[in-house]
PDB file of all heavy atoms in Angstrom:
ATOM      1  N   VAL A   1       0.855  -1.217   0.010  1.00  0.00           N
ATOM      2  CA  VAL A   1      -0.016  -0.041   0.019  1.00  0.00           C
ATOM      3  C   VAL A   1       0.781   1.232   0.034  1.00  0.00           C
ATOM      4  O   VAL A   1       0.632   2.230  -0.650  1.00  0.00           O
ATOM      5  CB  VAL A   1      -0.950  -0.008   1.246  1.00  0.00           C
ATOM      6  CG1 VAL A   1      -1.794   1.263   1.290  1.00  0.00           C
ATOM      7  CG2 VAL A   1      -1.822  -1.206   1.060  1.00  0.00           C
ATOM      8  N   ALA A   2       1.998   1.166   0.714  1.00  0.00           N
ATOM      9  CA  ALA A   2       2.860   2.358   0.805  1.00  0.00           C
ATOM     10  C   ALA A   2       3.441   2.715  -0.517  1.00  0.00           C
ATOM     11  O   ALA A   2       3.606   3.739  -0.830  1.00  0.00           O
ATOM     12  CB  ALA A   2       4.015   2.082   1.831  1.00  0.00           C
ATOM     13  N   LYS A   3       3.707   1.673  -1.254  1.00  0.00           N
ATOM     14  CA  LYS A   3       4.331   1.772  -2.669  1.00  0.00           C
ATOM     15  C   LYS A   3       3.206   2.613  -3.616  1.00  0.00           C
ATOM     16  O   LYS A   3       3.523   3.488  -4.413  1.00  0.00           O
ATOM     17  CB  LYS A   3       4.628   0.458  -3.255  1.00  0.00           C
ATOM     18  CG  LYS A   3       5.074   0.602  -4.704  1.00  0.00           C
ATOM     19  CD  LYS A   3       6.522   1.246  -4.854  1.00  0.00           C
ATOM     20  CE  LYS A   3       7.051   1.044  -6.270  1.00  0.00           C
ATOM     21  NZ  LYS A   3       6.305   1.382  -7.290  1.00  0.00           N
ATOM     22  N   VAL A   4       1.948   2.033  -3.512  1.00  0.00           N
ATOM     23  CA  VAL A   4       0.865   2.768  -4.207  1.00  0.00           C
ATOM     24  C   VAL A   4       0.805   4.294  -3.892  1.00  0.00           C
ATOM     25  O   VAL A   4       0.584   5.154  -4.719  1.00  0.00           O
ATOM     26  CB  VAL A   4      -0.539   2.026  -3.914  1.00  0.00           C
ATOM     27  CG1 VAL A   4      -1.673   2.816  -4.565  1.00  0.00           C
ATOM     28  CG2 VAL A   4      -0.476   0.663  -4.589  1.00  0.00           C
ATOM     29  N   VAL A   5       0.786   4.449  -2.487  1.00  0.00           N
ATOM     30  CA  VAL A   5       0.704   5.798  -2.117  1.00  0.00           C
ATOM     31  C   VAL A   5       1.843   6.750  -2.559  1.00  0.00           C
ATOM     32  O   VAL A   5       1.820   7.801  -3.057  1.00  0.00           O
ATOM     33  CB  VAL A   5       0.579   5.953  -0.526  1.00  0.00           C
ATOM     34  CG1 VAL A   5       0.600   7.379  -0.008  1.00  0.00           C
ATOM     35  CG2 VAL A   5      -0.707   5.243  -0.078  1.00  0.00           C
ATOM     36  N   SER A   6       3.083   6.222  -2.389  1.00  0.00           N
ATOM     37  CA  SER A   6       4.254   6.843  -2.795  1.00  0.00           C
ATOM     38  C   SER A   6       4.217   7.217  -4.334  1.00  0.00           C
ATOM     39  O   SER A   6       4.649   8.319  -4.688  1.00  0.00           O
ATOM     40  CB  SER A   6       5.499   6.008  -2.415  1.00  0.00           C
ATOM     41  OG  SER A   6       5.630   5.830  -0.999  1.00  0.00           O
ATOM     42  N   ASP A   7       3.858   6.241  -5.152  1.00  0.00           N
ATOM     43  CA  ASP A   7       3.751   6.538  -6.592  1.00  0.00           C
ATOM     44  C   ASP A   7       2.710   7.693  -6.855  1.00  0.00           C
ATOM     45  O   ASP A   7       3.053   8.491  -7.671  1.00  0.00           O
ATOM     46  CB  ASP A   7       3.377   5.180  -7.286  1.00  0.00           C
ATOM     47  CG  ASP A   7       4.488   4.186  -7.265  1.00  0.00           C
ATOM     48  OD1 ASP A   7       5.548   4.521  -6.965  1.00  0.00           O
ATOM     49  OD2 ASP A   7       4.028   3.046  -7.673  1.00  0.00           O
ATOM     50  N   ALA A   8       1.704   7.705  -6.091  1.00  0.00           N
ATOM     51  CA  ALA A   8       0.622   8.748  -6.391  1.00  0.00           C
ATOM     52  C   ALA A   8       1.159  10.092  -5.920  1.00  0.00           C
ATOM     53  O   ALA A   8       0.980  11.121  -6.491  1.00  0.00           O
ATOM     54  CB  ALA A   8      -0.517   8.417  -5.662  1.00  0.00           C
ATOM     55  N   VAL A   9       1.891  10.135  -4.746  1.00  0.00           N
ATOM     56  CA  VAL A   9       2.405  11.406  -4.245  1.00  0.00           C
ATOM     57  C   VAL A   9       3.514  11.863  -5.338  1.00  0.00           C
ATOM     58  O   VAL A   9       3.504  13.128  -5.590  1.00  0.00           O
ATOM     59  CB  VAL A   9       3.217  11.153  -2.881  1.00  0.00           C
ATOM     60  CG1 VAL A   9       4.134  12.380  -2.561  1.00  0.00           C
ATOM     61  CG2 VAL A   9       2.209  10.902  -1.829  1.00  0.00           C
ATOM     62  N   TYR A  10       4.302  11.045  -5.815  1.00  0.00           N
ATOM     63  CA  TYR A  10       5.279  11.406  -6.717  1.00  0.00           C
ATOM     64  C   TYR A  10       4.653  11.973  -8.068  1.00  0.00           C
ATOM     65  O   TYR A  10       5.068  13.015  -8.563  1.00  0.00           O
ATOM     66  CB  TYR A  10       6.329  10.219  -7.094  1.00  0.00           C
ATOM     67  CG  TYR A  10       7.539  10.702  -7.727  1.00  0.00           C
ATOM     68  CD1 TYR A  10       8.612  11.106  -7.165  1.00  0.00           C
ATOM     69  CD2 TYR A  10       7.594  10.763  -9.175  1.00  0.00           C
ATOM     70  CE1 TYR A  10       9.858  11.538  -7.843  1.00  0.00           C
ATOM     71  CE2 TYR A  10       8.602  11.068  -9.904  1.00  0.00           C
ATOM     72  CZ  TYR A  10       9.851  11.473  -9.294  1.00  0.00           C
ATOM     73  OH  TYR A  10      10.949  11.998  -9.889  1.00  0.00           O
ATOM     74  N   ALA A  11       3.782  11.199  -8.655  1.00  0.00           N
ATOM     75  CA  ALA A  11       3.033  11.682  -9.785  1.00  0.00           C
ATOM     76  C   ALA A  11       2.377  12.997  -9.644  1.00  0.00           C
ATOM     77  O   ALA A  11       2.205  13.642 -10.630  1.00  0.00           O
ATOM     78  CB  ALA A  11       2.012  10.602 -10.121  1.00  0.00           C
ATOM     79  N   ALA A  12       1.925  13.334  -8.372  1.00  0.00           N
ATOM     80  CA  ALA A  12       1.201  14.616  -8.066  1.00  0.00           C
ATOM     81  C   ALA A  12       2.188  15.721  -7.892  1.00  0.00           C
ATOM     82  O   ALA A  12       1.832  16.875  -7.711  1.00  0.00           O
ATOM     83  CB  ALA A  12       0.314  14.415  -6.949  1.00  0.00           C
ATOM     84  N   GLY A  13       3.519  15.447  -7.923  1.00  0.00           N
ATOM     85  CA  GLY A  13       4.561  16.351  -7.792  1.00  0.00           C
ATOM     86  C   GLY A  13       5.212  16.549  -6.467  1.00  0.00           C
ATOM     87  O   GLY A  13       5.846  17.535  -6.102  1.00  0.00           O
ATOM     88  N   GLY A  14       4.854  15.648  -5.631  1.00  0.00           N
ATOM     89  CA  GLY A  14       5.463  15.525  -4.317  1.00  0.00           C
ATOM     90  C   GLY A  14       6.678  14.599  -4.183  1.00  0.00           C
ATOM     91  O   GLY A  14       6.897  13.854  -5.083  1.00  0.00           O
ATOM     92  N   LEU A  15       7.394  14.676  -3.103  1.00  0.00           N
ATOM     93  CA  LEU A  15       8.513  13.837  -2.855  1.00  0.00           C
ATOM     94  C   LEU A  15       7.993  12.866  -1.662  1.00  0.00           C
ATOM     95  O   LEU A  15       7.937  13.347  -0.540  1.00  0.00           O
ATOM     96  CB  LEU A  15       9.565  14.524  -2.404  1.00  0.00           C
ATOM     97  CG  LEU A  15      11.002  13.636  -2.001  1.00  0.00           C
ATOM     98  CD1 LEU A  15      11.393  12.850  -3.201  1.00  0.00           C
ATOM     99  CD2 LEU A  15      12.087  14.517  -1.570  1.00  0.00           C
ATOM    100  N   PRO A  16       7.723  11.587  -1.833  1.00  0.00           N
ATOM    101  CA  PRO A  16       7.312  10.712  -0.916  1.00  0.00           C
ATOM    102  C   PRO A  16       8.409  10.214  -0.072  1.00  0.00           C
ATOM    103  O   PRO A  16       9.485   9.727  -0.539  1.00  0.00           O
ATOM    104  CB  PRO A  16       6.674   9.466  -1.471  1.00  0.00           C
ATOM    105  CG  PRO A  16       7.320   9.499  -2.887  1.00  0.00           C
ATOM    106  CD  PRO A  16       7.647  10.953  -3.116  1.00  0.00           C
ATOM    107  N   LEU A  17       8.413  10.340   1.386  1.00  0.00           N
ATOM    108  CA  LEU A  17       9.471   9.961   2.210  1.00  0.00           C
ATOM    109  C   LEU A  17       8.875   8.893   3.317  1.00  0.00           C
ATOM    110  O   LEU A  17       8.150   9.428   4.097  1.00  0.00           O
ATOM    111  CB  LEU A  17      10.173  11.061   2.867  1.00  0.00           C
ATOM    112  CG  LEU A  17      10.823  12.020   1.891  1.00  0.00           C
ATOM    113  CD1 LEU A  17      11.055  13.348   2.533  1.00  0.00           C
ATOM    114  CD2 LEU A  17      12.221  11.475   1.321  1.00  0.00           C
ATOM    115  N   GLU A  18       9.125   7.659   3.111  1.00  0.00           N
ATOM    116  CA  GLU A  18       8.579   6.667   4.011  1.00  0.00           C
ATOM    117  C   GLU A  18       9.213   6.752   5.355  1.00  0.00           C
ATOM    118  O   GLU A  18      10.315   6.614   5.362  1.00  0.00           O
ATOM    119  CB  GLU A  18       8.584   5.356   3.422  1.00  0.00           C
ATOM    120  CG  GLU A  18       7.816   4.267   4.092  1.00  0.00           C
ATOM    121  CD  GLU A  18       7.804   2.900   3.446  1.00  0.00           C
ATOM    122  OE1 GLU A  18       8.077   2.821   2.231  1.00  0.00           O
ATOM    123  OE2 GLU A  18       7.578   1.858   4.075  1.00  0.00           O
ATOM    124  N   ILE A  19       8.394   6.654   6.440  1.00  0.00           N
ATOM    125  CA  ILE A  19       8.915   6.421   7.867  1.00  0.00           C
ATOM    126  C   ILE A  19       8.103   5.292   8.413  1.00  0.00           C
ATOM    127  O   ILE A  19       7.056   4.960   8.103  1.00  0.00           O
ATOM    128  CB  ILE A  19       8.745   7.603   8.643  1.00  0.00           C
ATOM    129  CG1 ILE A  19       7.407   8.151   8.843  1.00  0.00           C
ATOM    130  CG2 ILE A  19       9.570   8.847   7.965  1.00  0.00           C
ATOM    131  CD1 ILE A  19       7.171   9.182   9.814  1.00  0.00           C
ATOM    132  N   ARG A  20       8.832   4.618   9.393  1.00  0.00           N
ATOM    133  CA  ARG A  20       8.219   3.435  10.004  1.00  0.00           C
ATOM    134  C   ARG A  20       7.954   3.847  11.515  1.00  0.00           C
ATOM    135  O   ARG A  20       8.775   4.419  12.159  1.00  0.00           O
ATOM    136  CB  ARG A  20       9.163   2.315   9.982  1.00  0.00           C
ATOM    137  CG  ARG A  20       9.417   1.895   8.610  1.00  0.00           C
ATOM    138  CD  ARG A  20       8.277   1.345   7.817  1.00  0.00           C
ATOM    139  NE  ARG A  20       8.611   0.829   6.424  1.00  0.00           N
ATOM    140  CZ  ARG A  20       8.696  -0.438   6.067  1.00  0.00           C
ATOM    141  NH1 ARG A  20       8.474  -1.435   7.014  1.00  0.00           N
ATOM    142  NH2 ARG A  20       8.968  -0.792   4.860  1.00  0.00           N
ATOM    143  N   THR A  21       6.917   3.243  12.113  1.00  0.00           N
ATOM    144  CA  THR A  21       6.659   3.310  13.542  1.00  0.00           C
ATOM    145  C   THR A  21       6.331   1.805  14.108  1.00  0.00           C
ATOM    146  O   THR A  21       6.266   0.866  13.270  1.00  0.00           O
ATOM    147  CB  THR A  21       5.505   4.102  13.778  1.00  0.00           C
ATOM    148  OG1 THR A  21       4.242   3.461  13.495  1.00  0.00           O
ATOM    149  CG2 THR A  21       5.520   5.530  13.099  1.00  0.00           C
ATOM    150  N   THR A  22       6.171   1.751  15.279  1.00  0.00           N
ATOM    151  CA  THR A  22       5.801   0.504  15.872  1.00  0.00           C
ATOM    152  C   THR A  22       4.341   0.177  15.416  1.00  0.00           C
ATOM    153  O   THR A  22       3.591   1.080  14.973  1.00  0.00           O
ATOM    154  CB  THR A  22       5.807   0.653  17.539  1.00  0.00           C
ATOM    155  OG1 THR A  22       5.444  -0.765  17.984  1.00  0.00           O
ATOM    156  CG2 THR A  22       4.821   1.504  17.973  1.00  0.00           C
ATOM    157  N   ALA A  23       3.990  -1.101  15.470  1.00  0.00           N
ATOM    158  CA  ALA A  23       2.695  -1.590  14.977  1.00  0.00           C
ATOM    159  C   ALA A  23       2.100  -2.483  15.895  1.00  0.00           C
ATOM    160  O   ALA A  23       2.237  -3.747  15.790  1.00  0.00           O
ATOM    161  CB  ALA A  23       3.007  -2.223  13.560  1.00  0.00           C
ATOM    162  N   PRO A  24       1.230  -1.987  16.898  1.00  0.00           N
ATOM    163  CA  PRO A  24       0.711  -2.821  17.886  1.00  0.00           C
ATOM    164  C   PRO A  24      -0.608  -3.578  17.346  1.00  0.00           C
ATOM    165  O   PRO A  24      -1.425  -3.028  16.625  1.00  0.00           O
ATOM    166  CB  PRO A  24       0.216  -1.898  18.929  1.00  0.00           C
ATOM    167  CG  PRO A  24      -0.022  -0.530  18.275  1.00  0.00           C
ATOM    168  CD  PRO A  24       0.932  -0.608  17.126  1.00  0.00           C
ATOM    169  N   SER A  25      -0.587  -4.832  17.568  1.00  0.00           N
ATOM    170  CA  SER A  25      -1.747  -5.657  17.125  1.00  0.00           C
ATOM    171  C   SER A  25      -2.355  -6.270  18.396  1.00  0.00           C
ATOM    172  O   SER A  25      -1.829  -6.844  19.360  1.00  0.00           O
ATOM    173  CB  SER A  25      -1.257  -6.899  16.368  1.00  0.00           C
ATOM    174  OG  SER A  25      -2.294  -7.851  16.279  1.00  0.00           O
ATOM    175  N   ASP A  26      -3.682  -6.071  18.538  1.00  0.00           N
ATOM    176  CA  ASP A  26      -4.469  -6.528  19.733  1.00  0.00           C
ATOM    177  C   ASP A  26      -4.439  -7.909  19.897  1.00  0.00           C
ATOM    178  O   ASP A  26      -4.681  -8.466  21.061  1.00  0.00           O
ATOM    179  CB  ASP A  26      -5.899  -6.050  19.650  1.00  0.00           C
ATOM    180  CG  ASP A  26      -6.047  -4.572  20.321  1.00  0.00           C
ATOM    181  OD1 ASP A  26      -5.155  -3.791  20.103  1.00  0.00           O
ATOM    182  OD2 ASP A  26      -7.073  -4.310  20.870  1.00  0.00           O
ATOM    183  N   PHE A  27      -4.159  -8.750  18.856  1.00  0.00           N
ATOM    184  CA  PHE A  27      -4.094 -10.146  19.036  1.00  0.00           C
ATOM    185  C   PHE A  27      -2.725 -10.842  19.151  1.00  0.00           C
ATOM    186  O   PHE A  27      -2.499 -11.959  19.336  1.00  0.00           O
ATOM    187  CB  PHE A  27      -4.845 -10.837  17.866  1.00  0.00           C
ATOM    188  CG  PHE A  27      -6.351 -10.713  17.946  1.00  0.00           C
ATOM    189  CD1 PHE A  27      -7.042 -10.091  17.010  1.00  0.00           C
ATOM    190  CD2 PHE A  27      -6.980 -11.336  19.075  1.00  0.00           C
ATOM    191  CE1 PHE A  27      -8.500  -9.904  17.229  1.00  0.00           C
ATOM    192  CE2 PHE A  27      -8.371 -11.157  19.219  1.00  0.00           C
ATOM    193  CZ  PHE A  27      -9.137 -10.464  18.284  1.00  0.00           C
ATOM    194  N   VAL A  28      -1.676  -9.916  18.807  1.00  0.00           N
ATOM    195  CA  VAL A  28      -0.313 -10.325  18.871  1.00  0.00           C
ATOM    196  C   VAL A  28       0.501  -9.652  20.036  1.00  0.00           C
ATOM    197  O   VAL A  28       1.113 -10.281  20.965  1.00  0.00           O
ATOM    198  CB  VAL A  28       0.424 -10.218  17.533  1.00  0.00           C
ATOM    199  CG1 VAL A  28       1.863 -10.657  17.598  1.00  0.00           C
ATOM    200  CG2 VAL A  28      -0.220 -11.041  16.468  1.00  0.00           C
ATOM    201  N   THR A  29       0.462  -8.271  19.994  1.00  0.00           N
ATOM    202  CA  THR A  29       1.251  -7.491  21.015  1.00  0.00           C
ATOM    203  C   THR A  29       0.556  -7.645  22.334  1.00  0.00           C
ATOM    204  O   THR A  29       1.123  -7.269  23.318  1.00  0.00           O
ATOM    205  CB  THR A  29       1.111  -5.960  20.506  1.00  0.00           C
ATOM    206  OG1 THR A  29       1.478  -5.868  19.202  1.00  0.00           O
ATOM    207  CG2 THR A  29       2.192  -5.229  21.337  1.00  0.00           C
ATOM    208  N   SER A  30      -0.647  -8.196  22.414  1.00  0.00           N
ATOM    209  CA  SER A  30      -1.316  -8.354  23.735  1.00  0.00           C
ATOM    210  C   SER A  30      -0.692  -9.573  24.510  1.00  0.00           C
ATOM    211  O   SER A  30      -0.980  -9.822  25.654  1.00  0.00           O
ATOM    212  CB  SER A  30      -2.749  -8.755  23.449  1.00  0.00           C
ATOM    213  OG  SER A  30      -2.908  -9.854  22.652  1.00  0.00           O
ATOM    214  N   ALA A  31       0.212 -10.382  23.934  1.00  0.00           N
ATOM    215  CA  ALA A  31       0.704 -11.562  24.583  1.00  0.00           C
ATOM    216  C   ALA A  31       1.661 -11.261  25.744  1.00  0.00           C
ATOM    217  O   ALA A  31       1.740 -11.830  26.738  1.00  0.00           O
ATOM    218  CB  ALA A  31       1.570 -12.399  23.513  1.00  0.00           C
ATOM    219  N   GLY A  32       2.300 -10.130  25.543  1.00  0.00           N
ATOM    220  CA  GLY A  32       3.330  -9.742  26.622  1.00  0.00           C
ATOM    221  C   GLY A  32       2.778  -9.006  27.898  1.00  0.00           C
ATOM    222  O   GLY A  32       1.961  -8.049  27.558  1.00  0.00           O
ATOM    223  N   ARG A  33       3.026  -9.232  28.977  1.00  0.00           N
ATOM    224  CA  ARG A  33       2.663  -8.606  30.244  1.00  0.00           C
ATOM    225  C   ARG A  33       1.190  -8.300  30.237  1.00  0.00           C
ATOM    226  O   ARG A  33       0.768  -7.119  30.541  1.00  0.00           O
ATOM    227  CB  ARG A  33       3.500  -7.306  30.313  1.00  0.00           C
ATOM    228  CG  ARG A  33       4.958  -7.557  30.509  1.00  0.00           C
ATOM    229  CD  ARG A  33       5.682  -6.331  30.984  1.00  0.00           C
ATOM    230  NE  ARG A  33       7.093  -6.613  31.136  1.00  0.00           N
ATOM    231  CZ  ARG A  33       8.015  -5.672  31.434  1.00  0.00           C
ATOM    232  NH1 ARG A  33       7.743  -4.397  31.599  1.00  0.00           N
ATOM    233  NH2 ARG A  33       9.285  -5.979  31.549  1.00  0.00           N
ATOM    234  N   LYS A  34       0.410  -9.269  29.894  1.00  0.00           N
ATOM    235  CA  LYS A  34      -1.128  -9.128  29.923  1.00  0.00           C
ATOM    236  C   LYS A  34      -1.623  -7.879  29.115  1.00  0.00           C
ATOM    237  O   LYS A  34      -2.473  -7.234  29.485  1.00  0.00           O
ATOM    238  CB  LYS A  34      -1.518  -8.944  31.467  1.00  0.00           C
ATOM    239  CG  LYS A  34      -0.949 -10.106  32.364  1.00  0.00           C
ATOM    240  CD  LYS A  34      -1.475 -11.428  32.089  1.00  0.00           C
ATOM    241  CE  LYS A  34      -0.895 -12.423  33.061  1.00  0.00           C
ATOM    242  NZ  LYS A  34      -1.167 -13.794  32.579  1.00  0.00           N
ATOM    243  N   ALA A  35      -1.024  -7.708  28.008  1.00  0.00           N
ATOM    244  CA  ALA A  35      -1.473  -6.692  27.051  1.00  0.00           C
ATOM    245  C   ALA A  35      -1.118  -5.222  27.431  1.00  0.00           C
ATOM    246  O   ALA A  35      -1.722  -4.346  26.905  1.00  0.00           O
ATOM    247  CB  ALA A  35      -3.042  -6.827  26.710  1.00  0.00           C
TER     248      ALA A  35
END
């Protein structure tokens, strides 16, 4: 999805710069320390 968005930003005359953050999942990240 990020690739689709980046291509659209670029085509519209912008410079896409991807950044990453943590990604909590209620069914996976909940495993540690009782969620």
